[in-house]
Protein backbone atom coordinates (compact mmCIF):
# COMPACT_ATOMS: atom_id res chain seq x y z
CA UNK A 1 97.50 335.60 341.79
CA UNK A 2 95.36 332.45 341.60
CA UNK A 3 97.47 329.40 342.28
CA UNK A 4 96.92 325.70 341.56
CA UNK A 5 100.54 324.77 342.08
CA UNK A 6 100.89 321.07 342.88
CA UNK A 7 97.32 320.31 341.86
CA UNK A 8 96.11 318.07 339.04
CA UNK A 9 93.20 319.08 336.82
CA UNK A 10 91.19 316.79 334.54
CA UNK A 11 89.22 318.52 331.76
CA UNK A 12 86.81 316.73 329.41
CA UNK A 13 86.21 318.35 326.03
CA UNK A 14 89.68 319.88 326.27
CA UNK A 15 90.45 319.99 322.56
CA UNK A 16 88.91 323.38 321.77
CA UNK A 17 86.94 326.35 323.05
CA UNK A 18 86.49 326.81 326.74
CA UNK A 19 88.10 323.45 327.52
CA UNK A 20 91.37 324.29 325.71
CA UNK A 21 91.41 327.82 327.18
CA UNK A 22 90.92 326.42 330.67
CA UNK A 23 93.83 324.03 330.19
CA UNK A 24 96.14 326.91 329.34
CA UNK A 25 94.85 329.09 332.18
CA UNK A 26 95.19 326.32 334.81
CA UNK A 27 98.74 325.75 333.54
CA UNK A 28 99.51 329.42 334.02
CA UNK A 29 98.20 329.06 337.59
CA UNK A 30 100.66 326.16 338.22
CA UNK A 31 98.49 323.14 337.63
CA UNK A 32 99.28 319.91 335.82
CA UNK A 33 96.69 318.75 333.30
CA UNK A 34 94.91 315.60 332.12
CA UNK A 35 93.36 316.48 328.78
CA UNK A 36 90.47 314.35 327.54
CA UNK A 37 88.52 314.66 324.26
CA UNK A 38 87.70 312.75 321.13
CA UNK A 39 90.25 314.51 318.90
CA UNK A 40 93.73 313.48 319.90
CA UNK A 41 95.41 315.66 317.28
CA UNK A 42 93.81 318.76 318.82
CA UNK A 43 94.74 317.60 322.29
CA UNK A 44 98.39 317.41 321.27
CA UNK A 45 98.30 321.12 320.35
CA UNK A 46 96.79 321.93 323.74
CA UNK A 47 99.41 319.82 325.52
CA UNK A 48 102.15 321.76 323.74
CA UNK A 49 100.58 324.99 325.04
CA UNK A 50 100.53 323.62 328.58
CA UNK A 51 104.18 322.53 328.36
CA UNK A 52 105.23 325.95 327.14
CA UNK A 53 103.86 327.22 330.45
CA UNK A 54 106.28 324.90 332.21
CA UNK A 55 103.64 322.39 333.37
CA UNK A 56 102.99 318.76 332.57
CA UNK A 57 100.10 317.37 330.60
CA UNK A 58 98.78 313.93 329.71
CA UNK A 59 96.30 313.36 326.93
CA UNK A 60 93.74 310.63 326.41
CA UNK A 61 91.05 309.90 323.78
CA UNK A 62 87.75 310.14 325.60
CA UNK A 63 84.12 310.10 324.51
CA UNK A 64 81.92 310.92 327.48
CA UNK A 65 79.03 309.00 325.90
CA UNK A 66 81.03 305.76 326.04
CA UNK A 67 81.02 303.78 329.27
CA UNK A 68 84.57 303.37 330.57
CA UNK A 69 86.18 306.22 328.66
CA UNK A 70 86.18 308.75 331.53
CA UNK A 71 87.44 305.98 333.83
CA UNK A 72 90.46 305.62 331.52
CA UNK A 73 91.08 309.34 331.80
CA UNK A 74 90.90 309.16 335.61
CA UNK A 75 93.21 306.14 335.62
CA UNK A 76 95.72 308.09 333.53
CA UNK A 77 95.61 310.94 336.10
CA UNK A 78 96.35 308.49 338.92
CA UNK A 79 99.13 306.70 337.08
CA UNK A 80 100.76 309.91 335.86
CA UNK A 81 100.29 312.27 338.73
CA UNK A 82 99.04 310.18 341.63
CA UNK A 83 96.04 312.38 342.43
CA UNK A 84 93.16 314.49 341.14
CA UNK A 85 92.25 317.86 342.66
CA UNK A 86 89.95 319.50 340.10
CA UNK A 87 87.63 317.86 337.60
CA UNK A 88 86.02 319.96 334.88
CA UNK A 89 82.98 318.34 333.22
CA UNK A 90 83.09 320.44 330.08
CA UNK A 91 82.36 318.14 327.12
CA UNK A 92 79.13 319.01 325.38
CA UNK A 93 77.41 320.29 322.25
CA UNK A 94 74.01 321.68 321.27
CA UNK A 95 71.03 320.11 319.52
CA UNK A 96 68.84 322.89 318.15
CA UNK A 97 65.63 323.45 316.20
CA UNK A 98 61.88 323.60 316.77
CA UNK A 99 60.25 320.54 318.32
CA UNK A 100 58.33 319.72 315.15
CA UNK A 101 61.59 319.15 313.31
CA UNK A 102 63.29 317.06 316.00
CA UNK A 103 62.89 313.42 317.06
CA UNK A 104 63.12 311.61 320.36
CA UNK A 105 66.57 310.39 319.25
CA UNK A 106 67.74 314.01 318.96
CA UNK A 107 66.79 314.59 322.56
CA UNK A 108 68.32 311.30 323.67
CA UNK A 109 71.58 312.15 321.93
CA UNK A 110 71.70 315.56 323.55
CA UNK A 111 71.20 314.16 327.05
CA UNK A 112 73.64 311.32 326.47
CA UNK A 113 76.46 313.87 326.07
CA UNK A 114 75.42 316.87 328.12
CA UNK A 115 73.83 315.11 331.09
CA UNK A 116 74.92 311.50 331.25
CA UNK A 117 78.40 312.51 330.12
CA UNK A 118 78.60 314.76 333.21
CA UNK A 119 77.37 311.89 335.40
CA UNK A 120 79.98 309.48 333.94
CA UNK A 121 82.60 312.09 334.78
CA UNK A 122 81.29 312.42 338.34
CA UNK A 123 81.22 308.64 338.93
CA UNK A 124 84.69 308.16 337.46
CA UNK A 125 86.37 310.79 339.67
CA UNK A 126 84.30 311.17 342.87
CA UNK A 127 86.51 309.04 345.07
CA UNK A 128 89.58 311.04 343.98
CA UNK A 129 87.89 314.36 344.73
CA UNK A 130 86.82 313.17 348.17
CA UNK A 131 90.40 312.07 348.86
CA UNK A 132 91.78 315.49 347.89
CA UNK A 133 88.82 317.54 349.14
CA UNK A 134 88.83 318.92 345.66
CA UNK A 135 86.62 320.76 343.25
CA UNK A 136 84.02 319.46 340.75
CA UNK A 137 83.38 322.02 338.01
CA UNK A 138 80.28 321.58 335.85
CA UNK A 139 80.00 323.72 332.71
CA UNK A 140 76.36 324.65 332.34
CA UNK A 141 75.00 327.61 330.30
CA UNK A 142 72.92 330.74 330.52
CA UNK A 143 70.51 328.52 328.61
CA UNK A 144 70.14 326.67 331.86
CA UNK A 145 68.01 329.67 332.87
CA UNK A 146 66.75 331.12 329.61
CA UNK A 147 65.40 328.94 326.81
CA UNK A 148 64.73 330.85 323.57
CA UNK A 149 62.66 329.18 320.84
CA UNK A 150 64.65 326.52 319.01
CA UNK A 151 66.94 325.65 321.96
CA UNK A 152 64.74 323.05 323.63
CA UNK A 153 67.10 320.04 323.79
CA UNK A 154 70.20 322.10 324.64
CA UNK A 155 68.39 324.21 327.23
CA UNK A 156 66.75 321.14 328.77
CA UNK A 157 70.17 319.53 329.24
CA UNK A 158 71.58 322.63 330.86
CA UNK A 159 68.62 323.02 333.18
CA UNK A 160 69.26 319.39 334.17
CA UNK A 161 72.95 319.89 334.98
CA UNK A 162 72.07 323.05 336.97
CA UNK A 163 69.82 320.86 339.12
CA UNK A 164 72.53 318.25 339.35
CA UNK A 165 75.13 320.78 340.47
CA UNK A 166 72.72 322.12 343.12
CA UNK A 167 72.03 318.65 344.53
CA UNK A 168 75.68 317.53 344.42
CA UNK A 169 76.77 320.74 346.13
CA UNK A 170 74.72 319.78 349.18
CA UNK A 171 75.61 316.08 349.03
CA UNK A 172 79.38 316.53 348.73
CA UNK A 173 79.88 319.46 351.12
CA UNK A 174 80.32 317.15 354.17
CA UNK A 175 83.20 315.42 352.25
CA UNK A 176 84.91 318.78 351.64
CA UNK A 177 84.25 318.64 347.83
CA UNK A 178 83.14 321.95 346.30
CA UNK A 179 80.79 321.89 343.29
CA UNK A 180 81.21 324.95 341.06
CA UNK A 181 78.60 325.56 338.35
CA UNK A 182 79.76 327.76 335.48
CA UNK A 183 77.10 329.27 333.21
CA UNK A 184 78.72 330.86 330.14
CA UNK A 185 76.84 333.21 327.86
CA UNK A 186 78.25 333.91 324.41
CA UNK A 187 81.83 332.68 324.62
CA UNK A 188 84.14 331.92 321.71
CA UNK A 189 83.88 328.18 320.93
CA UNK A 190 83.21 325.70 318.16
CA UNK A 191 79.62 324.95 319.29
CA UNK A 192 78.18 326.67 316.20
CA UNK A 193 80.27 324.36 313.99
CA UNK A 194 78.72 321.18 315.40
CA UNK A 195 75.46 319.83 314.02
CA UNK A 196 72.64 317.99 315.78
CA UNK A 197 74.43 314.67 315.41
CA UNK A 198 77.63 315.93 316.94
CA UNK A 199 79.49 316.25 313.61
CA UNK A 200 81.93 319.11 313.23
CA UNK A 201 81.71 321.42 310.15
CA UNK A 202 84.23 323.96 308.91
CA UNK A 203 81.59 326.60 308.29
CA UNK A 204 79.75 327.70 311.47
CA UNK A 205 76.12 328.62 311.86
CA UNK A 206 75.35 332.32 311.98
CA UNK A 207 76.13 333.64 315.43
CA UNK A 208 75.65 336.79 317.51
CA UNK A 209 77.60 339.97 316.70
CA UNK A 210 81.31 339.61 317.51
CA UNK A 211 81.12 342.34 320.12
CA UNK A 212 78.80 340.18 322.19
CA UNK A 213 81.15 337.18 322.17
CA UNK A 214 83.74 336.92 324.94
CA UNK A 215 87.16 335.53 323.95
CA UNK A 216 87.68 332.06 325.37
CA UNK A 217 90.90 333.03 327.18
CA UNK A 218 89.15 335.86 329.05
CA UNK A 219 86.29 333.53 330.03
CA UNK A 220 88.84 330.98 331.19
CA UNK A 221 90.45 333.54 333.56
CA UNK A 222 87.06 334.25 335.13
CA UNK A 223 86.28 330.54 335.46
CA UNK A 224 89.62 329.73 337.07
CA UNK A 225 89.11 332.51 339.63
CA UNK A 226 85.66 331.12 340.43
CA UNK A 227 87.07 327.62 340.86
CA UNK A 228 89.90 328.94 343.07
CA UNK A 229 87.34 330.67 345.29
CA UNK A 230 85.15 327.55 345.38
CA UNK A 231 82.17 329.64 344.29
CA UNK A 232 78.86 327.82 344.10
CA UNK A 233 77.99 329.42 340.73
CA UNK A 234 79.39 331.90 338.25
CA UNK A 235 77.75 333.42 335.20
CA UNK A 236 80.18 334.41 332.46
CA UNK A 237 79.75 337.49 330.23
CA UNK A 238 77.93 340.71 331.09
CA UNK A 239 74.95 339.91 328.89
CA UNK A 240 74.70 336.55 330.47
CA UNK A 241 74.60 338.07 333.94
CA UNK A 242 71.81 340.42 332.91
CA UNK A 243 69.81 337.62 331.27
CA UNK A 244 70.03 335.41 334.34
CA UNK A 245 69.20 338.25 336.71
CA UNK A 246 66.11 339.29 334.77
CA UNK A 247 64.97 335.68 334.33
CA UNK A 248 65.24 335.12 338.10
CA UNK A 249 63.41 338.31 339.10
CA UNK A 250 61.20 339.33 336.15
CA UNK A 251 60.63 336.19 334.05
CA UNK A 252 57.61 337.70 332.36
CA UNK A 253 59.83 340.43 330.89
CA UNK A 254 62.11 337.79 329.35
CA UNK A 255 59.18 336.04 327.78
CA UNK A 256 57.85 339.35 326.41
CA UNK A 257 61.19 340.29 324.85
CA UNK A 258 61.68 336.84 323.30
CA UNK A 259 58.25 336.88 321.75
CA UNK A 260 58.00 340.52 320.70
CA UNK A 261 61.50 340.55 319.23
CA UNK A 262 61.04 337.08 317.72
CA UNK A 263 64.35 335.99 319.10
CA UNK A 264 65.37 332.48 318.06
CA UNK A 265 68.18 330.25 319.15
CA UNK A 266 71.05 329.47 316.79
CA UNK A 267 70.67 327.16 313.85
CA UNK A 268 72.83 324.25 312.72
CA UNK A 269 75.88 324.80 310.48
CA UNK A 270 74.79 325.44 306.87
CA UNK A 271 76.35 322.21 305.62
CA UNK A 272 74.21 320.21 308.04
CA UNK A 273 70.86 321.61 307.01
CA UNK A 274 68.71 319.70 304.59
CA UNK A 275 68.53 321.30 301.13
CA UNK A 276 64.95 322.54 300.48
CA UNK A 277 63.13 320.70 297.70
CA UNK A 278 63.03 322.65 294.41
CA UNK A 279 59.68 323.36 292.87
CA UNK A 280 58.72 323.14 289.29
């Protein structure tokens, strides 16, 4: 069985979806948790789940777009547990839509969370990970390989963190720090309930068929195994593995399928979409 007994894990974006599921799975594997996200009420629920597994958890309000917030989370880890062994840069969301409908601010907002938020997490915790010869986990996406129409900002951000993970893997190896890039496909989360400005909505955007969506707990088990094995990269979900394989080896086929089938990326939640002007 995978064991993280005696280790301390910091997770950003830990209030829901993959982040919350990872907290529970790391706790089952014996780890203690530092849970960071914007929604403290949600974090308290996750902390209760961790404690039911017999492990300890500390929670902290953290917005990865705000300078100093991830440092506060790292400080809490040091004060509470005295160390950091695993850092999961998970916080993120998706800006979607065709380029004609988006602005430069949409792209900047996307990169501020999904790219610079990861960098803030790295800078805040790197010394700790070097001291423990630990693991840095970056949550990317299958969209870091495949970019359907309407996913430009989100896919760009995930292509960027894939490059970052690749570079950091080489840079940090001499210090004994492993960089693990996780690329989920369709995994149960709240990403379809968040609009282009990062606002949560109760009603999600239309998503893929349920049978294509992997439960978050199952994805978390696969991710924790990859982290335990210090794997360089792991793609989550069967469809995700196929998509990445084909994109790597037969990219023209992916382009043909996307265009012939007129596949589009997801939209925003219905409540976030502008109401069309009525005629007459």
